[in-house]
Amino acid sequence: MAKLPQIIPVTDLRQDAAGVLKRVSESREPFVITQRGRAAAVLLSAEEYQRVESERQILRLLAQGEKEIIEGRGTDLDTVLAEADALLADEDS
């Protein structure tokens, strides 16, 4: 079962921004910021944001590769693995 997201009203964020940022950083989970009872934004720690962006870049490359295969184009395996290694090395930095 999926974990329910942390929900923070924008007024709580205004009143205790430092405390909310600390909770976001410690939890490594996204916090949904609500305004007038509706989701308005999602707050992530910088570390979690970087992880999500790295994953998104990898997925984009995989989708591009799949499209190239369908079109009869492509890149040899050694090049693909080198690019993947470079992305993963950037993620660890």
PDB file of N, CA and C in Angstrom:
ATOM      1  N   MET A   1       0.847  -1.182   0.000  1.00  0.00           N
ATOM      2  CA  MET A   1       0.000   0.000   0.000  1.00  0.00           C
ATOM      3  C   MET A   1       0.886   1.238   0.000  1.00  0.00           C
ATOM      4  N   ALA A   2       0.533   2.218  -0.807  1.00  0.00           N
ATOM      5  CA  ALA A   2       1.325   3.435  -0.914  1.00  0.00           C
ATOM      6  C   ALA A   2       1.237   4.257   0.365  1.00  0.00           C
ATOM      7  N   LYS A   3       2.362   4.872   0.693  1.00  0.00           N
ATOM      8  CA  LYS A   3       2.423   5.717   1.879  1.00  0.00           C
ATOM      9  C   LYS A   3       1.743   7.053   1.576  1.00  0.00           C
ATOM     10  N   LEU A   4       0.931   7.526   2.497  1.00  0.00           N
ATOM     11  CA  LEU A   4       0.268   8.815   2.307  1.00  0.00           C
ATOM     12  C   LEU A   4       1.278   9.947   2.421  1.00  0.00           C
ATOM     13  N   PRO A   5       1.167  10.950   1.571  1.00  0.00           N
ATOM     14  CA  PRO A   5       2.135  12.051   1.627  1.00  0.00           C
ATOM     15  C   PRO A   5       1.903  12.934   2.849  1.00  0.00           C
ATOM     16  N   GLN A   6       2.974  13.571   3.281  1.00  0.00           N
ATOM     17  CA  GLN A   6       2.867  14.583   4.334  1.00  0.00           C
ATOM     18  C   GLN A   6       2.166  15.796   3.724  1.00  0.00           C
ATOM     19  N   ILE A   7       1.220  16.354   4.444  1.00  0.00           N
ATOM     20  CA  ILE A   7       0.477  17.514   3.949  1.00  0.00           C
ATOM     21  C   ILE A   7       0.707  18.671   4.911  1.00  0.00           C
ATOM     22  N   ILE A   8       1.083  19.824   4.342  1.00  0.00           N
ATOM     23  CA  ILE A   8       1.354  21.012   5.143  1.00  0.00           C
ATOM     24  C   ILE A   8       0.560  22.176   4.562  1.00  0.00           C
ATOM     25  N   PRO A   9      -0.307  22.793   5.338  1.00  0.00           N
ATOM     26  CA  PRO A   9      -0.977  24.005   4.846  1.00  0.00           C
ATOM     27  C   PRO A   9       0.044  25.132   4.654  1.00  0.00           C
ATOM     28  N   VAL A  10      -0.176  25.954   3.666  1.00  0.00           N
ATOM     29  CA  VAL A  10       0.755  27.045   3.378  1.00  0.00           C
ATOM     30  C   VAL A  10       0.906  27.967   4.594  1.00  0.00           C
ATOM     31  N   THR A  11      -0.130  28.105   5.400  1.00  0.00           N
ATOM     32  CA  THR A  11      -0.005  28.955   6.598  1.00  0.00           C
ATOM     33  C   THR A  11       0.997  28.364   7.585  1.00  0.00           C
ATOM     34  N   ASP A  12       1.025  27.031   7.727  1.00  0.00           N
ATOM     35  CA  ASP A  12       2.024  26.400   8.597  1.00  0.00           C
ATOM     36  C   ASP A  12       3.428  26.604   8.044  1.00  0.00           C
ATOM     37  N   LEU A  13       3.559  26.543   6.721  1.00  0.00           N
ATOM     38  CA  LEU A  13       4.856  26.777   6.094  1.00  0.00           C
ATOM     39  C   LEU A  13       5.328  28.201   6.360  1.00  0.00           C
ATOM     40  N   ARG A  14       4.417  29.166   6.245  1.00  0.00           N
ATOM     41  CA  ARG A  14       4.774  30.561   6.523  1.00  0.00           C
ATOM     42  C   ARG A  14       5.220  30.750   7.967  1.00  0.00           C
ATOM     43  N   GLN A  15       4.516  30.122   8.897  1.00  0.00           N
ATOM     44  CA  GLN A  15       4.790  30.319  10.324  1.00  0.00           C
ATOM     45  C   GLN A  15       6.055  29.614  10.784  1.00  0.00           C
ATOM     46  N   ASP A  16       6.417  28.495  10.151  1.00  0.00           N
ATOM     47  CA  ASP A  16       7.562  27.723  10.620  1.00  0.00           C
ATOM     48  C   ASP A  16       8.337  27.135   9.443  1.00  0.00           C
ATOM     49  N   ALA A  17       8.812  28.001   8.555  1.00  0.00           N
ATOM     50  CA  ALA A  17       9.523  27.531   7.364  1.00  0.00           C
ATOM     51  C   ALA A  17      10.751  26.706   7.735  1.00  0.00           C
ATOM     52  N   ALA A  18      11.523  27.155   8.713  1.00  0.00           N
ATOM     53  CA  ALA A  18      12.737  26.430   9.103  1.00  0.00           C
ATOM     54  C   ALA A  18      12.387  25.030   9.622  1.00  0.00           C
ATOM     55  N   GLY A  19      11.347  24.922  10.416  1.00  0.00           N
ATOM     56  CA  GLY A  19      10.930  23.631  10.943  1.00  0.00           C
ATOM     57  C   GLY A  19      10.449  22.698   9.855  1.00  0.00           C
ATOM     58  N   VAL A  20       9.684  23.227   8.903  1.00  0.00           N
ATOM     59  CA  VAL A  20       9.185  22.423   7.792  1.00  0.00           C
ATOM     60  C   VAL A  20      10.359  21.942   6.937  1.00  0.00           C
ATOM     61  N   LEU A  21      11.309  22.835   6.660  1.00  0.00           N
ATOM     62  CA  LEU A  21      12.470  22.439   5.865  1.00  0.00           C
ATOM     63  C   LEU A  21      13.269  21.343   6.560  1.00  0.00           C
ATOM     64  N   LYS A  22      13.379  21.426   7.871  1.00  0.00           N
ATOM     65  CA  LYS A  22      14.093  20.401   8.626  1.00  0.00           C
ATOM     66  C   LYS A  22      13.373  19.057   8.495  1.00  0.00           C
ATOM     67  N   ARG A  23      12.050  19.075   8.617  1.00  0.00           N
ATOM     68  CA  ARG A  23      11.266  17.836   8.497  1.00  0.00           C
ATOM     69  C   ARG A  23      11.384  17.238   7.101  1.00  0.00           C
ATOM     70  N   VAL A  24      11.359  18.088   6.085  1.00  0.00           N
ATOM     71  CA  VAL A  24      11.486  17.613   4.703  1.00  0.00           C
ATOM     72  C   VAL A  24      12.855  16.973   4.499  1.00  0.00           C
ATOM     73  N   SER A  25      13.885  17.624   4.983  1.00  0.00           N
ATOM     74  CA  SER A  25      15.249  17.117   4.836  1.00  0.00           C
ATOM     75  C   SER A  25      15.430  15.786   5.559  1.00  0.00           C
ATOM     76  N   GLU A  26      14.895  15.676   6.759  1.00  0.00           N
ATOM     77  CA  GLU A  26      15.054  14.460   7.558  1.00  0.00           C
ATOM     78  C   GLU A  26      14.228  13.303   7.021  1.00  0.00           C
ATOM     79  N   SER A  27      13.053  13.592   6.498  1.00  0.00           N
ATOM     80  CA  SER A  27      12.151  12.519   6.070  1.00  0.00           C
ATOM     81  C   SER A  27      12.511  11.955   4.705  1.00  0.00           C
ATOM     82  N   ARG A  28      13.129  12.774   3.847  1.00  0.00           N
ATOM     83  CA  ARG A  28      13.445  12.391   2.473  1.00  0.00           C
ATOM     84  C   ARG A  28      12.193  12.023   1.687  1.00  0.00           C
ATOM     85  N   GLU A  29      11.058  12.513   2.129  1.00  0.00           N
ATOM     86  CA  GLU A  29       9.776  12.284   1.463  1.00  0.00           C
ATOM     87  C   GLU A  29       9.232  13.624   0.974  1.00  0.00           C
ATOM     88  N   PRO A  30       8.434  13.615  -0.080  1.00  0.00           N
ATOM     89  CA  PRO A  30       7.821  14.868  -0.540  1.00  0.00           C
ATOM     90  C   PRO A  30       6.725  15.328   0.429  1.00  0.00           C
ATOM     91  N   PHE A  31       6.598  16.623   0.573  1.00  0.00           N
ATOM     92  CA  PHE A  31       5.534  17.228   1.368  1.00  0.00           C
ATOM     93  C   PHE A  31       4.634  17.987   0.411  1.00  0.00           C
ATOM     94  N   VAL A  32       3.337  17.776   0.525  1.00  0.00           N
ATOM     95  CA  VAL A  32       2.364  18.487  -0.300  1.00  0.00           C
ATOM     96  C   VAL A  32       1.967  19.752   0.451  1.00  0.00           C
ATOM     97  N   ILE A  33       2.141  20.888  -0.194  1.00  0.00           N
ATOM     98  CA  ILE A  33       1.748  22.172   0.383  1.00  0.00           C
ATOM     99  C   ILE A  33       0.351  22.484  -0.142  1.00  0.00           C
ATOM    100  N   THR A  34      -0.561  22.740   0.788  1.00  0.00           N
ATOM    101  CA  THR A  34      -1.936  23.033   0.379  1.00  0.00           C
ATOM    102  C   THR A  34      -2.239  24.511   0.577  1.00  0.00           C
ATOM    103  N   GLN A  35      -3.139  24.982  -0.241  1.00  0.00           N
ATOM    104  CA  GLN A  35      -3.630  26.355  -0.141  1.00  0.00           C
ATOM    105  C   GLN A  35      -5.140  26.296  -0.342  1.00  0.00           C
ATOM    106  N   ARG A  36      -5.861  26.787   0.634  1.00  0.00           N
ATOM    107  CA  ARG A  36      -7.322  26.717   0.623  1.00  0.00           C
ATOM    108  C   ARG A  36      -7.810  25.268   0.494  1.00  0.00           C
ATOM    109  N   GLY A  37      -7.086  24.355   1.137  1.00  0.00           N
ATOM    110  CA  GLY A  37      -7.488  22.958   1.163  1.00  0.00           C
ATOM    111  C   GLY A  37      -7.156  22.142  -0.072  1.00  0.00           C
ATOM    112  N   ARG A  38      -6.468  22.742  -1.017  1.00  0.00           N
ATOM    113  CA  ARG A  38      -6.118  22.030  -2.254  1.00  0.00           C
ATOM    114  C   ARG A  38      -4.608  21.995  -2.430  1.00  0.00           C
ATOM    115  N   ALA A  39      -4.116  20.919  -3.023  1.00  0.00           N
ATOM    116  CA  ALA A  39      -2.681  20.804  -3.287  1.00  0.00           C
ATOM    117  C   ALA A  39      -2.242  21.949  -4.196  1.00  0.00           C
ATOM    118  N   ALA A  40      -1.185  22.654  -3.775  1.00  0.00           N
ATOM    119  CA  ALA A  40      -0.684  23.785  -4.551  1.00  0.00           C
ATOM    120  C   ALA A  40       0.754  23.564  -5.015  1.00  0.00           C
ATOM    121  N   ALA A  41       1.526  22.802  -4.245  1.00  0.00           N
ATOM    122  CA  ALA A  41       2.935  22.572  -4.589  1.00  0.00           C
ATOM    123  C   ALA A  41       3.434  21.345  -3.844  1.00  0.00           C
ATOM    124  N   VAL A  42       4.594  20.877  -4.270  1.00  0.00           N
ATOM    125  CA  VAL A  42       5.257  19.760  -3.592  1.00  0.00           C
ATOM    126  C   VAL A  42       6.650  20.231  -3.216  1.00  0.00           C
ATOM    127  N   LEU A  43       7.032  19.961  -1.983  1.00  0.00           N
ATOM    128  CA  LEU A  43       8.334  20.377  -1.464  1.00  0.00           C
ATOM    129  C   LEU A  43       9.195  19.138  -1.263  1.00  0.00           C
ATOM    130  N   LEU A  44      10.402  19.159  -1.860  1.00  0.00           N
ATOM    131  CA  LEU A  44      11.362  18.065  -1.737  1.00  0.00           C
ATOM    132  C   LEU A  44      12.669  18.603  -1.193  1.00  0.00           C
ATOM    133  N   SER A  45      13.414  17.754  -0.502  1.00  0.00           N
ATOM    134  CA  SER A  45      14.760  18.153  -0.102  1.00  0.00           C
ATOM    135  C   SER A  45      15.607  18.264  -1.366  1.00  0.00           C
ATOM    136  N   ALA A  46      16.676  19.042  -1.294  1.00  0.00           N
ATOM    137  CA  ALA A  46      17.554  19.203  -2.452  1.00  0.00           C
ATOM    138  C   ALA A  46      18.149  17.861  -2.859  1.00  0.00           C
ATOM    139  N   GLU A  47      18.515  17.042  -1.885  1.00  0.00           N
ATOM    140  CA  GLU A  47      19.082  15.724  -2.167  1.00  0.00           C
ATOM    141  C   GLU A  47      18.083  14.844  -2.910  1.00  0.00           C
ATOM    142  N   GLU A  48      16.846  14.835  -2.457  1.00  0.00           N
ATOM    143  CA  GLU A  48      15.816  14.015  -3.090  1.00  0.00           C
ATOM    144  C   GLU A  48      15.509  14.533  -4.496  1.00  0.00           C
ATOM    145  N   TYR A  49      15.486  15.849  -4.667  1.00  0.00           N
ATOM    146  CA  TYR A  49      15.248  16.444  -5.978  1.00  0.00           C
ATOM    147  C   TYR A  49      16.328  15.998  -6.965  1.00  0.00           C
ATOM    148  N   GLN A  50      17.590  16.031  -6.537  1.00  0.00           N
ATOM    149  CA  GLN A  50      18.686  15.615  -7.413  1.00  0.00           C
ATOM    150  C   GLN A  50      18.549  14.142  -7.788  1.00  0.00           C
ATOM    151  N   ARG A  51      18.144  13.302  -6.842  1.00  0.00           N
ATOM    152  CA  ARG A  51      17.958  11.882  -7.124  1.00  0.00           C
ATOM    153  C   ARG A  51      16.854  11.680  -8.159  1.00  0.00           C
ATOM    154  N   VAL A  52      15.746  12.381  -7.972  1.00  0.00           N
ATOM    155  CA  VAL A  52      14.613  12.269  -8.895  1.00  0.00           C
ATOM    156  C   VAL A  52      15.011  12.751 -10.296  1.00  0.00           C
ATOM    157  N   GLU A  53      15.759  13.836 -10.370  1.00  0.00           N
ATOM    158  CA  GLU A  53      16.195  14.359 -11.669  1.00  0.00           C
ATOM    159  C   GLU A  53      17.126  13.380 -12.368  1.00  0.00           C
ATOM    160  N   SER A  54      18.025  12.744 -11.626  1.00  0.00           N
ATOM    161  CA  SER A  54      18.926  11.753 -12.218  1.00  0.00           C
ATOM    162  C   SER A  54      18.133  10.589 -12.786  1.00  0.00           C
ATOM    163  N   GLU A  55      17.147  10.121 -12.037  1.00  0.00           N
ATOM    164  CA  GLU A  55      16.301   9.031 -12.518  1.00  0.00           C
ATOM    165  C   GLU A  55      15.541   9.440 -13.767  1.00  0.00           C
ATOM    166  N   ARG A  56      15.060  10.660 -13.780  1.00  0.00           N
ATOM    167  CA  ARG A  56      14.310  11.160 -14.938  1.00  0.00           C
ATOM    168  C   ARG A  56      15.197  11.212 -16.184  1.00  0.00           C
ATOM    169  N   GLN A  57      16.456  11.632 -16.010  1.00  0.00           N
ATOM    170  CA  GLN A  57      17.383  11.671 -17.142  1.00  0.00           C
ATOM    171  C   GLN A  57      17.648  10.274 -17.680  1.00  0.00           C
ATOM    172  N   ILE A  58      17.803   9.307 -16.790  1.00  0.00           N
ATOM    173  CA  ILE A  58      18.025   7.928 -17.222  1.00  0.00           C
ATOM    174  C   ILE A  58      16.813   7.412 -17.985  1.00  0.00           C
ATOM    175  N   LEU A  59      15.614   7.689 -17.474  1.00  0.00           N
ATOM    176  CA  LEU A  59      14.396   7.257 -18.168  1.00  0.00           C
ATOM    177  C   LEU A  59      14.267   7.920 -19.533  1.00  0.00           C
ATOM    178  N   ARG A  60      14.657   9.175 -19.625  1.00  0.00           N
ATOM    179  CA  ARG A  60      14.605   9.883 -20.912  1.00  0.00           C
ATOM    180  C   ARG A  60      15.542   9.210 -21.916  1.00  0.00           C
ATOM    181  N   LEU A  61      16.747   8.838 -21.472  1.00  0.00           N
ATOM    182  CA  LEU A  61      17.686   8.164 -22.358  1.00  0.00           C
ATOM    183  C   LEU A  61      17.159   6.796 -22.799  1.00  0.00           C
ATOM    184  N   LEU A  62      16.540   6.080 -21.876  1.00  0.00           N
ATOM    185  CA  LEU A  62      15.963   4.785 -22.235  1.00  0.00           C
ATOM    186  C   LEU A  62      14.854   4.941 -23.272  1.00  0.00           C
ATOM    187  N   ALA A  63      14.006   5.938 -23.089  1.00  0.00           N
ATOM    188  CA  ALA A  63      12.923   6.187 -24.049  1.00  0.00           C
ATOM    189  C   ALA A  63      13.497   6.585 -25.403  1.00  0.00           C
ATOM    190  N   GLN A  64      14.552   7.393 -25.383  1.00  0.00           N
ATOM    191  CA  GLN A  64      15.195   7.791 -26.641  1.00  0.00           C
ATOM    192  C   GLN A  64      15.783   6.566 -27.343  1.00  0.00           C
ATOM    193  N   GLY A  65      16.403   5.677 -26.579  1.00  0.00           N
ATOM    194  CA  GLY A  65      16.966   4.462 -27.153  1.00  0.00           C
ATOM    195  C   GLY A  65      15.898   3.565 -27.750  1.00  0.00           C
ATOM    196  N   GLU A  66      14.785   3.455 -27.038  1.00  0.00           N
ATOM    197  CA  GLU A  66      13.683   2.643 -27.557  1.00  0.00           C
ATOM    198  C   GLU A  66      13.154   3.209 -28.868  1.00  0.00           C
ATOM    199  N   LYS A  67      13.038   4.509 -28.933  1.00  0.00           N
ATOM    200  CA  LYS A  67      12.568   5.165 -30.169  1.00  0.00           C
ATOM    201  C   LYS A  67      13.547   4.911 -31.308  1.00  0.00           C
ATOM    202  N   GLU A  68      14.855   5.001 -31.017  1.00  0.00           N
ATOM    203  CA  GLU A  68      15.865   4.759 -32.042  1.00  0.00           C
ATOM    204  C   GLU A  68      15.801   3.316 -32.544  1.00  0.00           C
ATOM    205  N   ILE A  69      15.571   2.374 -31.651  1.00  0.00           N
ATOM    206  CA  ILE A  69      15.453   0.968 -32.051  1.00  0.00           C
ATOM    207  C   ILE A  69      14.266   0.775 -32.983  1.00  0.00           C
ATOM    208  N   ILE A  70      13.125   1.381 -32.638  1.00  0.00           N
ATOM    209  CA  ILE A  70      11.926   1.286 -33.473  1.00  0.00           C
ATOM    210  C   ILE A  70      12.184   1.883 -34.849  1.00  0.00           C
ATOM    211  N   GLU A  71      12.954   2.976 -34.903  1.00  0.00           N
ATOM    212  CA  GLU A  71      13.258   3.649 -36.168  1.00  0.00           C
ATOM    213  C   GLU A  71      14.404   2.978 -36.927  1.00  0.00           C
ATOM    214  N   GLY A  72      14.976   1.923 -36.354  1.00  0.00           N
ATOM    215  CA  GLY A  72      16.072   1.233 -37.019  1.00  0.00           C
ATOM    216  C   GLY A  72      17.418   1.902 -36.826  1.00  0.00           C
ATOM    217  N   ARG A  73      17.474   2.853 -35.940  1.00  0.00           N
ATOM    218  CA  ARG A  73      18.743   3.507 -35.615  1.00  0.00           C
ATOM    219  C   ARG A  73      19.176   2.982 -34.256  1.00  0.00           C
ATOM    220  N   GLY A  74      20.326   3.376 -33.812  1.00  0.00           N
ATOM    221  CA  GLY A  74      20.741   2.947 -32.490  1.00  0.00           C
ATOM    222  C   GLY A  74      22.196   3.231 -32.217  1.00  0.00           C
ATOM    223  N   THR A  75      22.599   2.864 -31.026  1.00  0.00           N
ATOM    224  CA  THR A  75      23.967   3.063 -30.568  1.00  0.00           C
ATOM    225  C   THR A  75      24.465   1.721 -30.054  1.00  0.00           C
ATOM    226  N   ASP A  76      25.744   1.466 -30.268  1.00  0.00           N
ATOM    227  CA  ASP A  76      26.259   0.174 -29.815  1.00  0.00           C
ATOM    228  C   ASP A  76      26.264   0.107 -28.293  1.00  0.00           C
ATOM    229  N   LEU A  77      26.264  -1.107 -27.773  1.00  0.00           N
ATOM    230  CA  LEU A  77      26.136  -1.353 -26.339  1.00  0.00           C
ATOM    231  C   LEU A  77      27.235  -0.690 -25.527  1.00  0.00           C
ATOM    232  N   ASP A  78      28.471  -0.710 -26.005  1.00  0.00           N
ATOM    233  CA  ASP A  78      29.578  -0.112 -25.253  1.00  0.00           C
ATOM    234  C   ASP A  78      29.353   1.386 -25.027  1.00  0.00           C
ATOM    235  N   THR A  79      28.844   2.074 -26.027  1.00  0.00           N
ATOM    236  CA  THR A  79      28.565   3.511 -25.890  1.00  0.00           C
ATOM    237  C   THR A  79      27.446   3.747 -24.884  1.00  0.00           C
ATOM    238  N   VAL A  80      26.405   2.949 -24.969  1.00  0.00           N
ATOM    239  CA  VAL A  80      25.272   3.078 -24.038  1.00  0.00           C
ATOM    240  C   VAL A  80      25.732   2.854 -22.609  1.00  0.00           C
ATOM    241  N   LEU A  81      26.518   1.810 -22.389  1.00  0.00           N
ATOM    242  CA  LEU A  81      27.002   1.517 -21.032  1.00  0.00           C
ATOM    243  C   LEU A  81      27.921   2.622 -20.516  1.00  0.00           C
ATOM    244  N   ALA A  82      28.735   3.201 -21.378  1.00  0.00           N
ATOM    245  CA  ALA A  82      29.611   4.302 -20.970  1.00  0.00           C
ATOM    246  C   ALA A  82      28.786   5.524 -20.557  1.00  0.00           C
ATOM    247  N   GLU A  83      27.739   5.820 -21.307  1.00  0.00           N
ATOM    248  CA  GLU A  83      26.862   6.940 -20.962  1.00  0.00           C
ATOM    249  C   GLU A  83      26.141   6.682 -19.634  1.00  0.00           C
ATOM    250  N   ALA A  84      25.683   5.464 -19.430  1.00  0.00           N
ATOM    251  CA  ALA A  84      25.011   5.098 -18.172  1.00  0.00           C
ATOM    252  C   ALA A  84      25.974   5.227 -16.998  1.00  0.00           C
ATOM    253  N   ASP A  85      27.216   4.763 -17.176  1.00  0.00           N
ATOM    254  CA  ASP A  85      28.225   4.894 -16.120  1.00  0.00           C
ATOM    255  C   ASP A  85      28.479   6.358 -15.785  1.00  0.00           C
ATOM    256  N   ALA A  86      28.544   7.202 -16.805  1.00  0.00           N
ATOM    257  CA  ALA A  86      28.770   8.635 -16.577  1.00  0.00           C
ATOM    258  C   ALA A  86      27.621   9.257 -15.808  1.00  0.00           C
ATOM    259  N   LEU A  87      26.385   8.899 -16.161  1.00  0.00           N
ATOM    260  CA  LEU A  87      25.223   9.419 -15.429  1.00  0.00           C
ATOM    261  C   LEU A  87      25.233   8.962 -13.979  1.00  0.00           C
ATOM    262  N   LEU A  88      25.530   7.716 -13.755  1.00  0.00           N
ATOM    263  CA  LEU A  88      25.561   7.202 -12.395  1.00  0.00           C
ATOM    264  C   LEU A  88      26.688   7.822 -11.585  1.00  0.00           C
ATOM    265  N   ALA A  89      27.817   8.103 -12.225  1.00  0.00           N
ATOM    266  CA  ALA A  89      28.928   8.768 -11.534  1.00  0.00           C
ATOM    267  C   ALA A  89      28.534  10.180 -11.140  1.00  0.00           C
ATOM    268  N   ASP A  90      27.791  10.884 -12.008  1.00  0.00           N
ATOM    269  CA  ASP A  90      27.300  12.229 -11.671  1.00  0.00           C
ATOM    270  C   ASP A  90      26.345  12.178 -10.501  1.00  0.00           C
ATOM    271  N   GLU A  91      25.530  11.127 -10.434  1.00  0.00           N
ATOM    272  CA  GLU A  91      24.548  10.957  -9.346  1.00  0.00           C
ATOM    273  C   GLU A  91      25.261  10.798  -8.007  1.00  0.00           C
ATOM    274  N   ASP A  92      26.388  10.099  -8.001  1.00  0.00           N
ATOM    275  CA  ASP A  92      27.133   9.852  -6.763  1.00  0.00           C
ATOM    276  C   ASP A  92      27.920  11.076  -6.301  1.00  0.00           C
ATOM    277  N   SER A  93      28.137  12.044  -7.187  1.00  0.00           N
ATOM    278  CA  SER A  93      28.922  13.231  -6.804  1.00  0.00           C
ATOM    279  C   SER A  93      28.156  14.163  -5.919  1.00  0.00           C
TER     280      SER A  93
END
